[in-house]
Amino acid sequence: MIRSMTGYGRAEAAAARLALSVECKSVNHRHLDVALKLPRALGSLEADARRIIQSAIGRGHIDISVSLSPAEGGTLTPLSVNIAQAREYSRAAQSLADGLGLGDDPGPWWRPSLDWLIDQPGVLSREAEPALSAEEAWPLLADALGRALADLVVRREAEGQALCQELTLLHDGLRAQVDVMAARAPSAVTRRAARLRERIEALRGEAAVDEARIATEIAVWADKTDVSEELARLHAHFDQFTLLLRTGGTVGRTLDFLLQEMNREVNTVGSKADDLEISQAVIAAKGVLEKLREQVQNIE
């Protein structure tokens, strides 16, 4: 199945005292580029986590964020009090009051209250991450990460299916333009030969001209302007393109290369063509190819 490189996935896992959540976001990228953000307590598990990611995703830029929290009903890490910092805030507040001439004011409102001190940064703090061992954390991480990636893949496949339908329609449009070129090519060769003969006849006047030489020149010109090989290669590329869409998998780069080859063949037809309808079909085909390449950039 064709996959898009854009998607989102999320999953959670919980144990007796811990809850873990994983969020995955992916966008287009030429290769697999993983940005993994783990809590400090899970840092030793990064290599194992990356192996799970690489087994699930073939291409794209992936942002993965993992967070830990106490499980519902679990025990929070204890609060710590920074007495020295609280004293520093208190001294600074009283120094400010003295500087403003409030030190002799009998009212207590200017003095730092306990509520005010508690609200100051660094006075009260809680350890952000619970302490835990790798043996306790890994089953949670592997479970949540695997399900978040599966969710991501499902969404990438759903978008990939829509991309496949769009690519099929564009591909059919490109085939139609090449069919116009193929249908027009034989009569174009005949018309070119007739025009060349007319020009030679006009130039020679009453002078005798070797008919065999004229036939040779017409044959050389016809060979230089023949596009049958390019059209045959284009049809072979079309068959390969259709096969890749049906096969699926990580085919984005292969499809992009195939479109480059198609573009090269269409350009060659355009440079050889001496026919208005073929030239118009070439222009239309190049427009379709550009749309195809834009869509293929989204495929894994």
Protein backbone atom coordinates (compact mmCIF):
# COMPACT_ATOMS: atom_id res chain seq x y z
CA MET A 1 0.00 0.00 0.00
CA ILE A 2 1.16 3.52 -0.80
CA ARG A 3 1.85 5.66 2.26
CA SER A 4 1.97 9.40 2.65
CA MET A 5 4.80 10.88 4.71
CA THR A 6 2.38 13.10 6.64
CA GLY A 7 0.58 11.78 9.69
CA TYR A 8 -0.04 11.87 13.42
CA GLY A 9 -0.21 9.21 16.11
CA ARG A 10 -0.66 9.13 19.86
CA ALA A 11 -0.85 6.45 22.55
CA GLU A 12 -0.66 6.09 26.32
CA ALA A 13 0.38 3.31 28.68
CA ALA A 14 0.14 3.07 32.46
CA ALA A 15 1.49 0.89 35.25
CA ALA A 16 0.86 0.88 39.00
CA ARG A 17 2.61 4.17 39.65
CA LEU A 18 3.52 5.59 36.24
CA ALA A 19 1.74 6.81 33.13
CA LEU A 20 3.54 7.37 29.84
CA SER A 21 2.30 9.12 26.69
CA VAL A 22 3.81 9.18 23.21
CA GLU A 23 2.98 11.66 20.45
CA CYS A 24 4.26 11.23 16.86
CA LYS A 25 4.13 13.75 14.02
CA SER A 26 5.60 13.18 10.55
CA VAL A 27 6.17 15.35 7.49
CA ASN A 28 7.99 15.04 4.16
CA HIS A 29 11.72 14.42 4.04
CA ARG A 30 14.13 12.89 1.54
CA HIS A 31 15.28 10.26 4.06
CA LEU A 32 14.25 8.95 7.48
CA ASP A 33 14.98 11.71 9.98
CA VAL A 34 13.94 11.01 13.58
CA ALA A 35 13.76 13.70 16.27
CA LEU A 36 13.15 11.81 19.52
CA LYS A 37 12.51 13.68 22.76
CA LEU A 38 12.67 11.44 25.83
CA PRO A 39 12.38 12.34 29.51
CA ARG A 40 15.69 12.27 31.35
CA ALA A 41 14.64 9.13 33.22
CA LEU A 42 14.29 7.26 29.88
CA GLY A 43 17.51 8.46 28.26
CA SER A 44 19.14 5.01 28.44
CA LEU A 45 16.34 3.59 26.26
CA GLU A 46 16.86 5.88 23.26
CA ALA A 47 18.71 3.34 21.09
CA ASP A 48 16.01 0.70 21.64
CA ALA A 49 13.27 3.25 20.92
CA ARG A 50 14.95 4.28 17.65
CA ARG A 51 15.06 0.65 16.52
CA ILE A 52 11.28 0.40 16.96
CA ILE A 53 10.80 3.63 14.99
CA GLN A 54 13.06 2.51 12.14
CA SER A 55 11.21 -0.81 11.86
CA ALA A 56 7.86 0.99 11.46
CA ILE A 57 8.75 4.01 9.31
CA GLY A 58 10.75 4.03 6.10
CA ARG A 59 10.96 7.70 5.18
CA GLY A 60 10.01 11.16 6.44
CA HIS A 61 10.85 13.57 9.25
CA ILE A 62 9.38 12.17 12.48
CA ASP A 63 8.98 14.21 15.68
CA ILE A 64 8.35 11.93 18.67
CA SER A 65 7.72 13.31 22.14
CA VAL A 66 7.50 11.08 25.24
CA SER A 67 6.28 12.28 28.63
CA LEU A 68 6.03 10.64 32.05
CA SER A 69 3.59 11.36 34.85
CA PRO A 70 2.32 9.61 37.98
CA ALA A 71 -0.48 7.18 37.29
CA GLU A 72 -3.97 8.03 38.49
CA GLY A 73 -3.99 7.38 42.22
CA GLY A 74 -0.20 7.06 42.22
CA THR A 75 2.15 8.84 44.59
CA LEU A 76 3.61 12.16 43.50
CA THR A 77 7.24 12.92 44.10
CA PRO A 78 7.56 15.07 47.27
CA LEU A 79 7.79 18.83 47.23
CA SER A 80 11.09 20.41 48.27
CA VAL A 81 11.46 23.80 49.97
CA ASN A 82 14.37 26.13 49.26
CA ILE A 83 14.68 28.01 52.57
CA ALA A 84 17.75 29.97 51.47
CA GLN A 85 15.94 31.29 48.40
CA ALA A 86 12.88 32.25 50.44
CA ARG A 87 15.12 34.23 52.83
CA GLU A 88 16.75 35.98 49.90
CA TYR A 89 13.35 37.03 48.53
CA SER A 90 12.34 38.26 52.00
CA ARG A 91 15.53 40.30 52.45
CA ALA A 92 15.15 41.80 48.96
CA ALA A 93 11.52 42.79 49.68
CA GLN A 94 12.43 44.43 53.00
CA SER A 95 15.36 46.23 51.39
CA LEU A 96 12.99 47.59 48.76
CA ALA A 97 10.56 48.71 51.47
CA ASP A 98 13.35 50.51 53.33
CA GLY A 99 14.49 52.19 50.13
CA LEU A 100 10.97 53.49 49.52
CA GLY A 101 10.67 54.81 53.06
CA LEU A 102 8.16 52.22 54.15
CA GLY A 103 10.22 50.82 57.00
CA ASP A 104 8.63 53.09 59.64
CA ASP A 105 5.09 52.49 58.39
CA PRO A 106 3.19 50.80 61.22
CA GLY A 107 1.08 48.86 58.72
CA PRO A 108 2.17 45.26 58.03
CA TRP A 109 1.04 45.25 54.39
CA TRP A 110 4.51 45.92 52.95
CA ARG A 111 6.19 43.00 54.71
CA PRO A 112 6.55 39.83 52.52
CA SER A 113 3.81 37.36 53.39
CA LEU A 114 4.08 33.60 53.33
CA ASP A 115 1.68 33.42 50.37
CA TRP A 116 3.87 35.85 48.43
CA LEU A 117 7.05 33.92 49.23
CA ILE A 118 5.51 30.59 48.19
CA ASP A 119 4.60 32.06 44.82
CA GLN A 120 8.18 33.08 44.01
CA PRO A 121 10.12 30.89 41.55
CA GLY A 122 12.32 28.24 43.10
CA VAL A 123 10.91 28.41 46.63
CA LEU A 124 8.77 25.30 46.17
CA SER A 125 9.63 22.65 43.59
CA ARG A 126 8.84 19.09 42.71
CA GLU A 127 11.04 16.62 40.89
CA ALA A 128 9.64 16.72 37.33
CA GLU A 129 10.26 13.06 36.59
CA PRO A 130 9.71 10.12 38.90
CA ALA A 131 12.69 7.92 39.57
CA LEU A 132 12.43 4.54 37.82
CA SER A 133 14.56 1.78 36.38
CA ALA A 134 14.93 0.85 32.72
CA GLU A 135 13.35 -2.53 33.49
CA GLU A 136 10.24 -0.80 34.79
CA ALA A 137 10.09 1.86 32.03
CA TRP A 138 10.85 -0.18 28.91
CA PRO A 139 7.60 -2.23 28.74
CA LEU A 140 5.61 1.00 29.03
CA LEU A 141 7.69 2.81 26.42
CA ALA A 142 7.70 -0.11 23.96
CA ASP A 143 3.93 -0.54 24.28
CA ALA A 144 2.99 3.13 23.92
CA LEU A 145 5.56 3.84 21.21
CA GLY A 146 4.49 0.82 19.17
CA ARG A 147 0.80 1.79 19.31
CA ALA A 148 1.51 5.47 18.56
CA LEU A 149 3.55 4.46 15.50
CA ALA A 150 0.80 2.06 14.40
CA ASP A 151 -1.69 4.93 14.67
CA LEU A 152 0.67 7.11 12.64
CA VAL A 153 1.05 4.44 9.95
CA VAL A 154 -2.74 3.98 9.66
CA ARG A 155 -3.15 7.70 9.01
CA ARG A 156 -0.26 7.75 6.55
CA GLU A 157 -1.84 4.83 4.68
CA ALA A 158 -5.23 6.55 4.56
CA GLU A 159 -3.67 9.67 3.07
CA GLY A 160 -1.55 7.47 0.80
CA GLN A 161 -4.68 5.86 -0.62
CA ALA A 162 -6.01 9.29 -1.55
CA LEU A 163 -2.65 10.17 -3.10
CA CYS A 164 -2.69 6.93 -5.09
CA GLN A 165 -6.09 7.81 -6.58
CA GLU A 166 -4.85 11.28 -7.51
CA LEU A 167 -1.67 9.88 -9.05
CA THR A 168 -3.67 7.34 -11.06
CA LEU A 169 -5.87 10.09 -12.53
CA LEU A 170 -2.85 12.23 -13.42
CA HIS A 171 -1.07 9.21 -14.86
CA ASP A 172 -4.06 8.46 -17.08
CA GLY A 173 -3.98 12.08 -18.28
CA LEU A 174 -0.29 11.76 -19.13
CA ARG A 175 -0.93 8.55 -21.07
CA ALA A 176 -3.64 10.32 -23.05
CA GLN A 177 -1.20 13.05 -24.14
CA VAL A 178 1.41 10.49 -25.16
CA ASP A 179 -1.24 8.61 -27.12
CA VAL A 180 -1.89 11.84 -29.03
CA MET A 181 1.83 12.05 -29.84
CA ALA A 182 1.92 8.41 -30.95
CA ALA A 183 -1.17 8.80 -33.15
CA ARG A 184 0.15 11.96 -34.75
CA ALA A 185 3.76 10.84 -35.28
CA PRO A 186 3.36 8.73 -38.49
CA SER A 187 1.43 11.40 -40.39
CA ALA A 188 3.86 14.02 -39.11
CA VAL A 189 6.75 12.10 -40.69
CA THR A 190 4.87 11.95 -44.01
CA ARG A 191 4.14 15.67 -43.94
CA ARG A 192 7.75 16.51 -43.11
CA ALA A 193 8.96 14.39 -46.05
CA ALA A 194 6.49 16.13 -48.38
CA ARG A 195 7.59 19.59 -47.20
CA LEU A 196 11.24 18.72 -47.67
CA ARG A 197 10.57 17.49 -51.20
CA GLU A 198 8.64 20.68 -52.01
CA ARG A 199 11.52 22.84 -50.78
CA ILE A 200 14.05 20.92 -52.82
CA GLU A 201 11.83 21.15 -55.90
CA ALA A 202 11.49 24.92 -55.39
CA LEU A 203 15.25 25.37 -54.99
CA ARG A 204 16.41 23.28 -57.93
CA GLY A 205 14.26 25.06 -60.52
CA GLU A 206 15.05 23.61 -63.93
CA ALA A 207 18.24 21.89 -62.75
CA ALA A 208 18.35 18.12 -62.63
CA VAL A 209 18.46 16.59 -59.18
CA ASP A 210 19.25 12.99 -58.34
CA GLU A 211 16.04 11.45 -57.01
CA ALA A 212 18.04 8.91 -55.04
CA ARG A 213 19.83 11.75 -53.26
CA ILE A 214 16.49 13.38 -52.43
CA ALA A 215 15.21 10.10 -51.04
CA THR A 216 18.37 9.75 -48.94
CA GLU A 217 18.03 13.26 -47.48
CA ILE A 218 14.38 12.64 -46.66
CA ALA A 219 15.30 9.39 -44.94
CA VAL A 220 18.04 11.09 -42.88
CA TRP A 221 15.68 13.87 -41.83
CA ALA A 222 12.95 11.37 -40.99
CA ASP A 223 15.39 9.41 -38.82
CA LYS A 224 16.48 12.52 -36.93
CA THR A 225 12.89 13.49 -36.19
CA ASP A 226 11.61 9.98 -35.41
CA VAL A 227 10.18 9.74 -31.88
CA SER A 228 9.12 6.09 -31.89
CA GLU A 229 11.91 5.04 -29.47
CA GLU A 230 11.02 7.80 -27.01
CA LEU A 231 7.35 6.85 -27.16
CA ALA A 232 8.18 3.17 -26.60
CA ARG A 233 10.28 4.05 -23.54
CA LEU A 234 7.47 6.25 -22.20
CA HIS A 235 4.99 3.38 -22.41
CA ALA A 236 7.48 1.12 -20.60
CA HIS A 237 7.79 3.77 -17.88
CA PHE A 238 4.00 3.96 -17.63
CA ASP A 239 3.78 0.21 -17.00
CA GLN A 240 6.47 0.45 -14.29
CA PHE A 241 4.70 3.41 -12.67
CA THR A 242 1.41 1.50 -12.52
CA LEU A 243 3.16 -1.56 -11.06
CA LEU A 244 4.78 0.53 -8.30
CA LEU A 245 1.45 2.08 -7.36
CA ARG A 246 -0.11 -1.38 -7.09
CA THR A 247 2.84 -2.90 -5.21
CA GLY A 248 3.15 -0.07 -2.67
CA GLY A 249 5.75 0.08 0.06
CA THR A 250 8.55 2.63 0.22
CA VAL A 251 8.42 3.65 -3.45
CA GLY A 252 8.49 7.45 -3.31
CA ARG A 253 12.09 7.87 -4.45
CA THR A 254 11.65 5.27 -7.23
CA LEU A 255 8.53 7.03 -8.50
CA ASP A 256 10.35 10.37 -8.44
CA PHE A 257 13.23 8.93 -10.49
CA LEU A 258 10.77 7.38 -12.95
CA LEU A 259 9.07 10.73 -13.45
CA GLN A 260 12.44 12.34 -14.17
CA GLU A 261 12.98 9.75 -16.91
CA MET A 262 9.50 10.41 -18.33
CA ASN A 263 10.21 14.13 -18.36
CA ARG A 264 13.45 13.53 -20.24
CA GLU A 265 11.69 11.47 -22.90
CA VAL A 266 8.89 14.03 -23.29
CA ASN A 267 11.48 16.81 -23.67
CA THR A 268 13.22 14.79 -26.41
CA VAL A 269 9.93 14.32 -28.25
CA GLY A 270 9.35 18.07 -28.02
CA SER A 271 12.80 18.88 -29.41
CA LYS A 272 12.35 16.49 -32.34
CA ALA A 273 8.73 17.27 -33.12
CA ASP A 274 7.97 19.37 -36.19
CA ASP A 275 4.23 19.23 -35.70
CA LEU A 276 1.86 21.64 -33.96
CA GLU A 277 -0.38 19.00 -32.37
CA ILE A 278 2.59 17.01 -31.06
CA SER A 279 4.09 20.21 -29.61
CA GLN A 280 0.80 21.01 -27.90
CA ALA A 281 0.62 17.48 -26.47
CA VAL A 282 4.20 17.84 -25.20
CA ILE A 283 3.33 21.07 -23.38
CA ALA A 284 0.26 19.46 -21.81
CA ALA A 285 2.27 16.37 -20.82
CA LYS A 286 4.92 18.49 -19.10
CA GLY A 287 2.19 20.21 -17.09
CA VAL A 288 0.84 16.84 -15.94
CA LEU A 289 4.36 15.63 -15.09
CA GLU A 290 4.90 18.65 -12.85
CA LYS A 291 1.69 17.86 -10.96
CA LEU A 292 2.76 14.22 -10.65
CA ARG A 293 6.14 15.21 -9.21
CA GLU A 294 4.50 17.50 -6.65
CA GLN A 295 2.30 14.65 -5.43
CA VAL A 296 5.08 12.06 -5.45
CA GLN A 297 7.10 14.24 -3.02
CA ASN A 298 4.49 13.27 -0.38
CA ILE A 299 4.98 9.51 -0.79
CA GLU A 300 7.11 7.46 1.59
